[in-house]
Amino acid sequence: MMKDDLLYYVFLPVLAVATLLIAWRFFKGPRLSDRVVALDLLITTGIGIIAVYSILADRPTFLDIAMILALIAFLTTVAFSYYLEKREGDD
């Protein structure tokens, strides 16, 4: 099995199923903290899909986009956790 076949037939379907399950948790999540974690996982899964596509298309510039997306995801997670901490403190 070649590298491309492994990426097409194993990694991309696993990432697609994971994206669907995480999106379900994002919309169904009973608490805001569940939605924040699901959003972070959605972005992380998107980064994985971008990385696989970058390998398949032989375009390393997409890895730069994935790195920027990872930094933005980190900052949004920190901002959400700060918001949740402040919100719990007000109650």
Protein backbone atom coordinates (compact mmCIF):
# COMPACT_ATOMS: atom_id res chain seq x y z
CA MET A 1 0.00 0.00 0.00
CA MET A 2 1.41 3.31 -1.05
CA LYS A 3 1.48 6.47 1.04
CA ASP A 4 -1.21 8.15 -1.05
CA ASP A 5 -3.53 5.15 -0.79
CA LEU A 6 -3.14 5.11 2.98
CA LEU A 7 -3.95 8.80 3.17
CA TYR A 8 -6.96 8.53 0.85
CA TYR A 9 -8.53 5.36 2.21
CA VAL A 10 -7.63 5.44 5.91
CA PHE A 11 -6.80 8.88 7.25
CA LEU A 12 -9.30 11.03 5.36
CA PRO A 13 -12.33 8.80 6.16
CA VAL A 14 -11.31 8.68 9.83
CA LEU A 15 -10.99 12.46 9.90
CA ALA A 16 -14.36 12.84 8.13
CA VAL A 17 -16.15 10.60 10.63
CA ALA A 18 -14.43 12.40 13.50
CA THR A 19 -15.55 15.74 12.08
CA LEU A 20 -19.17 14.57 11.91
CA LEU A 21 -19.10 13.25 15.49
CA ILE A 22 -17.47 16.40 16.81
CA ALA A 23 -19.94 18.61 14.93
CA TRP A 24 -22.77 16.61 16.51
CA ARG A 25 -21.28 17.27 19.95
CA PHE A 26 -20.89 20.94 19.08
CA PHE A 27 -24.58 21.33 18.25
CA LYS A 28 -25.89 18.90 20.87
CA GLY A 29 -23.56 19.77 23.78
CA PRO A 30 -25.55 20.49 26.91
CA ARG A 31 -23.11 23.03 28.34
CA LEU A 32 -21.09 25.86 26.88
CA SER A 33 -17.84 24.21 27.95
CA ASP A 34 -18.75 21.12 25.86
CA ARG A 35 -19.23 23.36 22.86
CA VAL A 36 -15.90 25.11 23.44
CA VAL A 37 -14.05 21.80 23.56
CA ALA A 38 -15.91 20.59 20.46
CA LEU A 39 -15.01 23.78 18.60
CA ASP A 40 -11.35 23.31 19.51
CA LEU A 41 -11.51 19.71 18.31
CA LEU A 42 -13.19 20.77 15.06
CA ILE A 43 -10.37 23.18 14.36
CA THR A 44 -7.79 20.53 15.24
CA THR A 45 -9.45 18.04 12.91
CA GLY A 46 -9.50 20.70 10.20
CA ILE A 47 -5.78 21.17 10.71
CA GLY A 48 -5.33 17.42 10.24
CA ILE A 49 -7.34 17.52 7.01
CA ILE A 50 -5.26 20.45 5.76
CA ALA A 51 -2.07 18.56 6.60
CA VAL A 52 -3.22 15.44 4.74
CA TYR A 53 -4.24 17.53 1.74
CA SER A 54 -0.89 19.29 1.84
CA ILE A 55 0.88 15.95 1.63
CA LEU A 56 -1.37 14.66 -1.15
CA ALA A 57 -1.14 17.83 -3.23
CA ASP A 58 2.60 18.21 -2.52
CA ARG A 59 2.06 21.82 -1.44
CA PRO A 60 3.98 22.63 1.76
CA THR A 61 2.52 26.15 1.86
CA PHE A 62 -0.73 24.69 3.23
CA LEU A 63 1.20 23.69 6.35
CA ASP A 64 1.76 27.39 7.02
CA ILE A 65 -1.99 27.90 6.89
CA ALA A 66 -2.47 24.99 9.28
CA MET A 67 0.04 26.50 11.69
CA ILE A 68 -1.72 29.88 11.64
CA LEU A 69 -5.05 28.13 12.21
CA ALA A 70 -3.54 26.29 15.18
CA LEU A 71 -2.38 29.57 16.71
CA ILE A 72 -5.82 31.12 16.22
CA ALA A 73 -7.44 28.04 17.76
CA PHE A 74 -5.18 28.31 20.79
CA LEU A 75 -6.04 31.97 21.26
CA THR A 76 -9.77 31.37 20.94
CA THR A 77 -9.62 28.54 23.48
CA VAL A 78 -7.81 30.80 25.92
CA ALA A 79 -10.34 33.58 25.32
CA PHE A 80 -13.28 31.22 25.83
CA SER A 81 -11.80 29.81 29.03
CA TYR A 82 -11.20 33.35 30.31
CA TYR A 83 -14.82 34.20 29.50
CA LEU A 84 -16.09 31.08 31.27
CA GLU A 85 -13.96 31.84 34.32
CA LYS A 86 -15.28 35.41 34.52
CA ARG A 87 -18.83 34.21 34.00
CA GLU A 88 -18.60 31.68 36.84
CA GLY A 89 -17.11 34.34 39.09
CA ASP A 90 -20.09 36.66 38.51
CA ASP A 91 -22.66 34.02 39.55
